[in-house]
Amino acid sequence: MPRRPPTPRGKDLFAEAHAEPKPAAATHRANIDGGSRGNPGPAAYGVVIRDGRGEIVAKLKKYIGRMTNNVAEYYGLIAAMDYAQSHGIRALRIESDSELLVKQMRGQYKVKSEDLRPLFERAQKMSKGFDSFRIEHVYREQNREADALANEALDETEGKASGSAAAKKTELAGSKTSSASPKSEPARSKTEAVSSKPEPRKIQARFRGGVLYLLEDVELPDGMVVDVSIHLRPKPV
């Protein structure tokens, strides 16, 4: 009877054993919102991030200058992803009440705005750095916390601006009182006071996508009507 060749001890002992699958990373949820008062106008974003148990781990808010609503929404999205990646979060679900942003990120809408294109491309690139990434549309009622944070950032910025303006007025009033001579100045007539108007201010602007964007921050009340003089300049070569 022929003898079988000896088999090394332990060889192929675990050949049929399968490696245990790695546990899936807990999915964090980020509610994002962006807003602009004027569109374009003073803009800010708000972000609320929760862990897999639903506990809030971060609240983000920031004033970003004079932007449109859609630009502010993308800033909020990028801020949420940046926080997640810098804190080792591997699975992220974004919830936004901006249908435009959600459908653009899903590839259902094309990005036609030149202002949104670089933000969209950056967000797409960042989204590929997660093991799991989803973005979903929610109703505004489900996004109240993020919306409140964006409005807080806007209110705080407007409060600082109005406070500094009031301080300047008080300082100017004090300097006039201290430097005034004993003889009071002759009172100005009502006609003279009414006829004095502030000098017009020139501000550069850029026209893009059907919207005229001011290149300087200007504090104006909502509904204010202004005169615009357009002087075309050749594009730099």
C-alpha atoms as a PDB file:
ATOM      1  CA  MET A   1       0.000   0.000   0.000  1.00  0.00           C
ATOM      2  CA  PRO A   2       1.577   3.338  -1.014  1.00  0.00           C
ATOM      3  CA  ARG A   3       2.396   5.745   1.782  1.00  0.00           C
ATOM      4  CA  ARG A   4       0.988   9.340   1.744  1.00  0.00           C
ATOM      5  CA  PRO A   5       3.591  12.103   1.935  1.00  0.00           C
ATOM      6  CA  PRO A   6       3.756  13.705   5.360  1.00  0.00           C
ATOM      7  CA  THR A   7       1.866  16.976   5.805  1.00  0.00           C
ATOM      8  CA  PRO A   8       3.594  19.805   7.724  1.00  0.00           C
ATOM      9  CA  ARG A   9       1.945  20.275  11.095  1.00  0.00           C
ATOM     10  CA  GLY A  10      -0.543  23.088  11.148  1.00  0.00           C
ATOM     11  CA  LYS A  11      -0.466  23.692   7.415  1.00  0.00           C
ATOM     12  CA  ASP A  12      -3.826  24.795   5.984  1.00  0.00           C
ATOM     13  CA  LEU A  13      -5.282  24.459   9.465  1.00  0.00           C
ATOM     14  CA  PHE A  14      -7.059  27.821   9.147  1.00  0.00           C
ATOM     15  CA  ALA A  15      -7.372  27.867   5.377  1.00  0.00           C
ATOM     16  CA  GLU A  16     -11.144  27.814   5.555  1.00  0.00           C
ATOM     17  CA  ALA A  17     -11.387  30.438   8.312  1.00  0.00           C
ATOM     18  CA  HIS A  18     -12.617  33.872   7.199  1.00  0.00           C
ATOM     19  CA  ALA A  19     -11.265  37.148   8.564  1.00  0.00           C
ATOM     20  CA  GLU A  20     -13.710  38.915  10.854  1.00  0.00           C
ATOM     21  CA  PRO A  21     -15.205  42.025   9.211  1.00  0.00           C
ATOM     22  CA  LYS A  22     -14.199  45.323  10.732  1.00  0.00           C
ATOM     23  CA  PRO A  23     -17.005  47.034  12.628  1.00  0.00           C
ATOM     24  CA  ALA A  24     -18.571  49.847  10.628  1.00  0.00           C
ATOM     25  CA  ALA A  25     -17.734  53.340  11.835  1.00  0.00           C
ATOM     26  CA  ALA A  26     -20.565  55.078  13.654  1.00  0.00           C
ATOM     27  CA  THR A  27     -22.221  57.618  11.378  1.00  0.00           C
ATOM     28  CA  HIS A  28     -22.156  61.238  12.529  1.00  0.00           C
ATOM     29  CA  ARG A  29     -24.930  63.576  11.393  1.00  0.00           C
ATOM     30  CA  ALA A  30     -24.358  67.221  10.502  1.00  0.00           C
ATOM     31  CA  ASN A  31     -27.196  69.693  10.008  1.00  0.00           C
ATOM     32  CA  ILE A  32     -26.012  72.651   7.961  1.00  0.00           C
ATOM     33  CA  ASP A  33     -27.559  75.978   6.994  1.00  0.00           C
ATOM     34  CA  GLY A  34     -26.460  79.222   5.397  1.00  0.00           C
ATOM     35  CA  GLY A  35     -28.200  82.553   5.125  1.00  0.00           C
ATOM     36  CA  SER A  36     -27.778  85.989   3.593  1.00  0.00           C
ATOM     37  CA  ARG A  37     -29.645  89.152   4.511  1.00  0.00           C
ATOM     38  CA  GLY A  38     -30.030  90.851   1.160  1.00  0.00           C
ATOM     39  CA  ASN A  39     -28.901  88.012  -1.123  1.00  0.00           C
ATOM     40  CA  PRO A  40     -26.231  89.089  -1.712  1.00  0.00           C
ATOM     41  CA  GLY A  41     -25.703  90.681   1.661  1.00  0.00           C
ATOM     42  CA  PRO A  42     -24.237  89.922   5.094  1.00  0.00           C
ATOM     43  CA  ALA A  43     -23.997  86.122   5.191  1.00  0.00           C
ATOM     44  CA  ALA A  44     -23.178  83.388   7.704  1.00  0.00           C
ATOM     45  CA  TYR A  45     -23.475  79.635   8.204  1.00  0.00           C
ATOM     46  CA  GLY A  46     -24.465  77.379  11.082  1.00  0.00           C
ATOM     47  CA  VAL A  47     -23.592  73.710  11.674  1.00  0.00           C
ATOM     48  CA  VAL A  48     -24.739  71.211  14.325  1.00  0.00           C
ATOM     49  CA  ILE A  49     -22.882  67.869  14.461  1.00  0.00           C
ATOM     50  CA  ARG A  50     -24.144  64.820  16.366  1.00  0.00           C
ATOM     51  CA  ASP A  51     -22.440  61.488  17.007  1.00  0.00           C
ATOM     52  CA  GLY A  52     -23.931  58.051  16.363  1.00  0.00           C
ATOM     53  CA  ARG A  53     -25.922  58.225  19.614  1.00  0.00           C
ATOM     54  CA  GLY A  54     -27.478  61.567  18.714  1.00  0.00           C
ATOM     55  CA  GLU A  55     -25.375  63.558  21.171  1.00  0.00           C
ATOM     56  CA  ILE A  56     -24.287  67.020  20.006  1.00  0.00           C
ATOM     57  CA  VAL A  57     -20.498  67.096  19.678  1.00  0.00           C
ATOM     58  CA  ALA A  58     -20.036  70.466  17.945  1.00  0.00           C
ATOM     59  CA  LYS A  59     -21.828  73.691  17.084  1.00  0.00           C
ATOM     60  CA  LEU A  60     -20.215  75.882  14.436  1.00  0.00           C
ATOM     61  CA  LYS A  61     -21.187  79.352  13.260  1.00  0.00           C
ATOM     62  CA  LYS A  62     -19.347  82.033  11.324  1.00  0.00           C
ATOM     63  CA  TYR A  63     -19.940  85.318   9.524  1.00  0.00           C
ATOM     64  CA  ILE A  64     -18.389  85.068   6.047  1.00  0.00           C
ATOM     65  CA  GLY A  65     -18.902  88.561   4.625  1.00  0.00           C
ATOM     66  CA  ARG A  66     -21.133  89.688   1.771  1.00  0.00           C
ATOM     67  CA  MET A  67     -22.333  86.574  -0.046  1.00  0.00           C
ATOM     68  CA  THR A  68     -25.447  84.910  -1.461  1.00  0.00           C
ATOM     69  CA  ASN A  69     -27.566  82.289   0.306  1.00  0.00           C
ATOM     70  CA  ASN A  70     -26.237  79.493  -1.899  1.00  0.00           C
ATOM     71  CA  VAL A  71     -22.606  80.420  -1.278  1.00  0.00           C
ATOM     72  CA  ALA A  72     -23.275  80.459   2.480  1.00  0.00           C
ATOM     73  CA  GLU A  73     -24.843  76.976   2.229  1.00  0.00           C
ATOM     74  CA  TYR A  74     -21.679  75.612   0.614  1.00  0.00           C
ATOM     75  CA  TYR A  75     -19.505  77.262   3.263  1.00  0.00           C
ATOM     76  CA  GLY A  76     -21.550  75.438   5.899  1.00  0.00           C
ATOM     77  CA  LEU A  77     -21.137  72.115   4.081  1.00  0.00           C
ATOM     78  CA  ILE A  78     -17.370  72.526   3.782  1.00  0.00           C
ATOM     79  CA  ALA A  79     -17.095  73.583   7.439  1.00  0.00           C
ATOM     80  CA  ALA A  80     -18.957  70.434   8.530  1.00  0.00           C
ATOM     81  CA  MET A  81     -16.732  68.147   6.452  1.00  0.00           C
ATOM     82  CA  ASP A  82     -13.578  69.931   7.563  1.00  0.00           C
ATOM     83  CA  TYR A  83     -14.532  69.464  11.229  1.00  0.00           C
ATOM     84  CA  ALA A  84     -15.339  65.784  10.646  1.00  0.00           C
ATOM     85  CA  GLN A  85     -12.069  65.025   8.877  1.00  0.00           C
ATOM     86  CA  SER A  86      -9.946  66.911  11.398  1.00  0.00           C
ATOM     87  CA  HIS A  87     -11.582  64.914  14.242  1.00  0.00           C
ATOM     88  CA  GLY A  88     -11.197  61.492  12.650  1.00  0.00           C
ATOM     89  CA  ILE A  89     -14.861  61.027  11.721  1.00  0.00           C
ATOM     90  CA  ARG A  90     -15.033  58.447   8.921  1.00  0.00           C
ATOM     91  CA  ALA A  91     -18.788  58.247   8.275  1.00  0.00           C
ATOM     92  CA  LEU A  92     -20.847  61.398   7.823  1.00  0.00           C
ATOM     93  CA  ARG A  93     -24.435  62.166   6.856  1.00  0.00           C
ATOM     94  CA  ILE A  94     -25.238  65.746   5.884  1.00  0.00           C
ATOM     95  CA  GLU A  95     -28.739  67.157   6.250  1.00  0.00           C
ATOM     96  CA  SER A  96     -29.582  70.447   4.519  1.00  0.00           C
ATOM     97  CA  ASP A  97     -32.772  72.294   3.659  1.00  0.00           C
ATOM     98  CA  SER A  98     -31.154  73.622   0.461  1.00  0.00           C
ATOM     99  CA  GLU A  99     -32.547  71.517  -2.374  1.00  0.00           C
ATOM    100  CA  LEU A 100     -30.107  73.153  -4.801  1.00  0.00           C
ATOM    101  CA  LEU A 101     -27.026  72.174  -2.796  1.00  0.00           C
ATOM    102  CA  VAL A 102     -28.220  68.614  -2.174  1.00  0.00           C
ATOM    103  CA  LYS A 103     -29.096  67.935  -5.814  1.00  0.00           C
ATOM    104  CA  GLN A 104     -25.860  69.503  -7.059  1.00  0.00           C
ATOM    105  CA  MET A 105     -23.811  67.334  -4.697  1.00  0.00           C
ATOM    106  CA  ARG A 106     -25.761  64.260  -5.886  1.00  0.00           C
ATOM    107  CA  GLY A 107     -25.175  65.148  -9.528  1.00  0.00           C
ATOM    108  CA  GLN A 108     -28.858  65.792 -10.218  1.00  0.00           C
ATOM    109  CA  TYR A 109     -28.343  69.508 -10.925  1.00  0.00           C
ATOM    110  CA  LYS A 110     -25.536  71.118 -12.895  1.00  0.00           C
ATOM    111  CA  VAL A 111     -23.491  73.860 -11.255  1.00  0.00           C
ATOM    112  CA  LYS A 112     -23.959  76.854 -13.537  1.00  0.00           C
ATOM    113  CA  SER A 113     -22.888  79.625 -11.136  1.00  0.00           C
ATOM    114  CA  GLU A 114     -19.233  80.625 -11.352  1.00  0.00           C
ATOM    115  CA  ASP A 115     -19.351  81.568  -7.667  1.00  0.00           C
ATOM    116  CA  LEU A 116     -20.506  78.093  -6.642  1.00  0.00           C
ATOM    117  CA  ARG A 117     -18.304  76.027  -8.948  1.00  0.00           C
ATOM    118  CA  PRO A 118     -15.040  76.183  -6.916  1.00  0.00           C
ATOM    119  CA  LEU A 119     -16.960  75.519  -3.690  1.00  0.00           C
ATOM    120  CA  PHE A 120     -18.771  72.576  -5.288  1.00  0.00           C
ATOM    121  CA  GLU A 121     -15.524  71.084  -6.578  1.00  0.00           C
ATOM    122  CA  ARG A 122     -13.896  71.422  -3.160  1.00  0.00           C
ATOM    123  CA  ALA A 123     -16.877  69.825  -1.428  1.00  0.00           C
ATOM    124  CA  GLN A 124     -16.900  66.929  -3.904  1.00  0.00           C
ATOM    125  CA  LYS A 125     -13.214  66.280  -3.328  1.00  0.00           C
ATOM    126  CA  MET A 126     -13.616  66.370   0.456  1.00  0.00           C
ATOM    127  CA  SER A 127     -16.611  64.020   0.370  1.00  0.00           C
ATOM    128  CA  LYS A 128     -14.478  61.308  -1.256  1.00  0.00           C
ATOM    129  CA  GLY A 129     -12.198  61.293   1.793  1.00  0.00           C
ATOM    130  CA  PHE A 130     -14.839  59.575   3.964  1.00  0.00           C
ATOM    131  CA  ASP A 131     -15.476  55.844   4.214  1.00  0.00           C
ATOM    132  CA  SER A 132     -19.183  56.682   4.054  1.00  0.00           C
ATOM    133  CA  PHE A 133     -20.727  59.975   2.949  1.00  0.00           C
ATOM    134  CA  ARG A 134     -24.381  60.836   2.346  1.00  0.00           C
ATOM    135  CA  ILE A 135     -26.225  64.081   1.842  1.00  0.00           C
ATOM    136  CA  GLU A 136     -29.983  64.392   2.254  1.00  0.00           C
ATOM    137  CA  HIS A 137     -32.611  67.113   1.934  1.00  0.00           C
ATOM    138  CA  VAL A 138     -34.710  67.936   4.995  1.00  0.00           C
ATOM    139  CA  TYR A 139     -37.451  70.466   5.622  1.00  0.00           C
ATOM    140  CA  ARG A 140     -36.624  73.753   7.317  1.00  0.00           C
ATOM    141  CA  GLU A 141     -38.438  72.661  10.472  1.00  0.00           C
ATOM    142  CA  GLN A 142     -35.921  69.824  10.841  1.00  0.00           C
ATOM    143  CA  ASN A 143     -33.021  72.221  10.440  1.00  0.00           C
ATOM    144  CA  ARG A 144     -33.918  74.859  13.011  1.00  0.00           C
ATOM    145  CA  GLU A 145     -30.801  74.537  15.157  1.00  0.00           C
ATOM    146  CA  ALA A 146     -28.413  75.143  12.261  1.00  0.00           C
ATOM    147  CA  ASP A 147     -30.583  78.021  11.027  1.00  0.00           C
ATOM    148  CA  ALA A 148     -30.549  79.588  14.521  1.00  0.00           C
ATOM    149  CA  LEU A 149     -26.734  79.428  14.645  1.00  0.00           C
ATOM    150  CA  ALA A 150     -26.405  81.167  11.267  1.00  0.00           C
ATOM    151  CA  ASN A 151     -28.740  83.929  12.443  1.00  0.00           C
ATOM    152  CA  GLU A 152     -26.807  84.248  15.716  1.00  0.00           C
ATOM    153  CA  ALA A 153     -23.603  84.849  13.754  1.00  0.00           C
ATOM    154  CA  LEU A 154     -25.343  87.541  11.695  1.00  0.00           C
ATOM    155  CA  ASP A 155     -26.901  89.193  14.756  1.00  0.00           C
ATOM    156  CA  GLU A 156     -23.564  89.238  16.586  1.00  0.00           C
ATOM    157  CA  THR A 157     -21.804  90.824  13.618  1.00  0.00           C
ATOM    158  CA  GLU A 158     -24.509  93.456  13.190  1.00  0.00           C
ATOM    159  CA  GLY A 159     -24.391  94.167  16.913  1.00  0.00           C
ATOM    160  CA  LYS A 160     -20.643  94.732  16.825  1.00  0.00           C
ATOM    161  CA  ALA A 161     -20.980  97.019  13.807  1.00  0.00           C
ATOM    162  CA  SER A 162     -23.745  99.116  15.370  1.00  0.00           C
ATOM    163  CA  GLY A 163     -21.900  99.239  18.679  1.00  0.00           C
ATOM    164  CA  SER A 164     -18.687 100.499  17.111  1.00  0.00           C
ATOM    165  CA  ALA A 165     -20.620 103.096  15.112  1.00  0.00           C
ATOM    166  CA  ALA A 166     -22.321 104.356  18.282  1.00  0.00           C
ATOM    167  CA  ALA A 167     -18.965 104.544  20.059  1.00  0.00           C
ATOM    168  CA  LYS A 168     -17.524 106.646  17.249  1.00  0.00           C
ATOM    169  CA  LYS A 169     -20.468 109.038  17.387  1.00  0.00           C
ATOM    170  CA  THR A 170     -20.057 109.433  21.148  1.00  0.00           C
ATOM    171  CA  GLU A 171     -16.330 110.040  20.758  1.00  0.00           C
ATOM    172  CA  LEU A 172     -16.893 112.663  18.080  1.00  0.00           C
ATOM    173  CA  ALA A 173     -19.564 114.381  20.162  1.00  0.00           C
ATOM    174  CA  GLY A 174     -17.220 114.487  23.160  1.00  0.00           C
ATOM    175  CA  SER A 175     -14.346 115.955  21.174  1.00  0.00           C
ATOM    176  CA  LYS A 176     -16.584 118.712  19.765  1.00  0.00           C
ATOM    177  CA  THR A 177     -17.829 119.642  23.232  1.00  0.00           C
ATOM    178  CA  SER A 178     -14.355 119.789  24.772  1.00  0.00           C
ATOM    179  CA  SER A 179     -12.814 121.836  21.949  1.00  0.00           C
ATOM    180  CA  ALA A 180     -15.677 124.313  21.579  1.00  0.00           C
ATOM    181  CA  SER A 181     -14.908 127.948  22.339  1.00  0.00           C
ATOM    182  CA  PRO A 182     -16.838 129.842  25.047  1.00  0.00           C
ATOM    183  CA  LYS A 183     -18.790 131.657  22.349  1.00  0.00           C
ATOM    184  CA  SER A 184     -21.419 129.454  20.833  1.00  0.00           C
ATOM    185  CA  GLU A 185     -21.439 129.069  17.076  1.00  0.00           C
ATOM    186  CA  PRO A 186     -24.329 130.641  15.174  1.00  0.00           C
ATOM    187  CA  ALA A 187     -27.186 128.210  14.668  1.00  0.00           C
ATOM    188  CA  ARG A 188     -27.582 126.815  11.186  1.00  0.00           C
ATOM    189  CA  SER A 189     -30.815 127.566   9.425  1.00  0.00           C
ATOM    190  CA  LYS A 190     -33.287 124.789   8.779  1.00  0.00           C
ATOM    191  CA  THR A 191     -32.875 125.269   5.040  1.00  0.00           C
ATOM    192  CA  GLU A 192     -29.108 124.801   5.304  1.00  0.00           C
ATOM    193  CA  ALA A 193     -29.481 121.701   7.458  1.00  0.00           C
ATOM    194  CA  VAL A 194     -31.941 120.048   5.090  1.00  0.00           C
ATOM    195  CA  SER A 195     -29.959 120.836   1.959  1.00  0.00           C
ATOM    196  CA  SER A 196     -26.717 119.292   3.292  1.00  0.00           C
ATOM    197  CA  LYS A 197     -26.458 115.732   1.956  1.00  0.00           C
ATOM    198  CA  PRO A 198     -23.658 113.200   2.303  1.00  0.00           C
ATOM    199  CA  GLU A 199     -21.295 113.021  -0.618  1.00  0.00           C
ATOM    200  CA  PRO A 200     -21.894 110.051  -2.944  1.00  0.00           C
ATOM    201  CA  ARG A 201     -19.562 107.132  -2.335  1.00  0.00           C
ATOM    202  CA  LYS A 202     -17.933 105.169  -5.118  1.00  0.00           C
ATOM    203  CA  ILE A 203     -17.778 101.390  -4.640  1.00  0.00           C
ATOM    204  CA  GLN A 204     -16.400  98.831  -7.039  1.00  0.00           C
ATOM    205  CA  ALA A 205     -18.633  95.898  -7.968  1.00  0.00           C
ATOM    206  CA  ARG A 206     -18.466  92.765 -10.110  1.00  0.00           C
ATOM    207  CA  PHE A 207     -21.333  91.556 -12.314  1.00  0.00           C
ATOM    208  CA  ARG A 208     -21.592  87.780 -12.456  1.00  0.00           C
ATOM    209  CA  GLY A 209     -24.432  85.386 -13.145  1.00  0.00           C
ATOM    210  CA  GLY A 210     -27.032  88.132 -13.352  1.00  0.00           C
ATOM    211  CA  VAL A 211     -26.084  89.563  -9.926  1.00  0.00           C
ATOM    212  CA  LEU A 212     -24.086  92.702  -9.147  1.00  0.00           C
ATOM    213  CA  TYR A 213     -21.705  91.905  -6.246  1.00  0.00           C
ATOM    214  CA  LEU A 214     -20.318  94.827  -4.234  1.00  0.00           C
ATOM    215  CA  LEU A 215     -16.616  94.422  -3.435  1.00  0.00           C
ATOM    216  CA  GLU A 216     -16.921  96.347  -0.166  1.00  0.00           C
ATOM    217  CA  ASP A 217     -19.150  95.837   2.867  1.00  0.00           C
ATOM    218  CA  VAL A 218     -21.856  98.495   3.030  1.00  0.00           C
ATOM    219  CA  GLU A 219     -24.330  98.717   5.890  1.00  0.00           C
ATOM    220  CA  LEU A 220     -27.722  99.600   4.396  1.00  0.00           C
ATOM    221  CA  PRO A 221     -31.224  98.930   5.705  1.00  0.00           C
ATOM    222  CA  ASP A 222     -33.296  96.358   3.830  1.00  0.00           C
ATOM    223  CA  GLY A 223     -35.308  97.896   1.015  1.00  0.00           C
ATOM    224  CA  MET A 224     -32.963 100.869   0.538  1.00  0.00           C
ATOM    225  CA  VAL A 225     -32.933 102.174  -3.051  1.00  0.00           C
ATOM    226  CA  VAL A 226     -29.553 103.376  -4.372  1.00  0.00           C
ATOM    227  CA  ASP A 227     -28.345 104.927  -7.614  1.00  0.00           C
ATOM    228  CA  VAL A 228     -25.809 102.902  -9.590  1.00  0.00           C
ATOM    229  CA  SER A 229     -23.535 104.350 -12.275  1.00  0.00           C
ATOM    230  CA  ILE A 230     -21.880 101.674 -14.403  1.00  0.00           C
ATOM    231  CA  HIS A 231     -18.445 102.295 -15.919  1.00  0.00           C
ATOM    232  CA  LEU A 232     -17.110  99.314 -17.842  1.00  0.00           C
ATOM    233  CA  ARG A 233     -13.449  98.397 -17.417  1.00  0.00           C
ATOM    234  CA  PRO A 234     -11.498  96.079 -19.708  1.00  0.00           C
ATOM    235  CA  LYS A 235     -10.590  92.707 -18.202  1.00  0.00           C
ATOM    236  CA  PRO A 236      -6.923  92.380 -17.228  1.00  0.00           C
ATOM    237  CA  VAL A 237      -4.916  90.365 -19.749  1.00  0.00           C
END
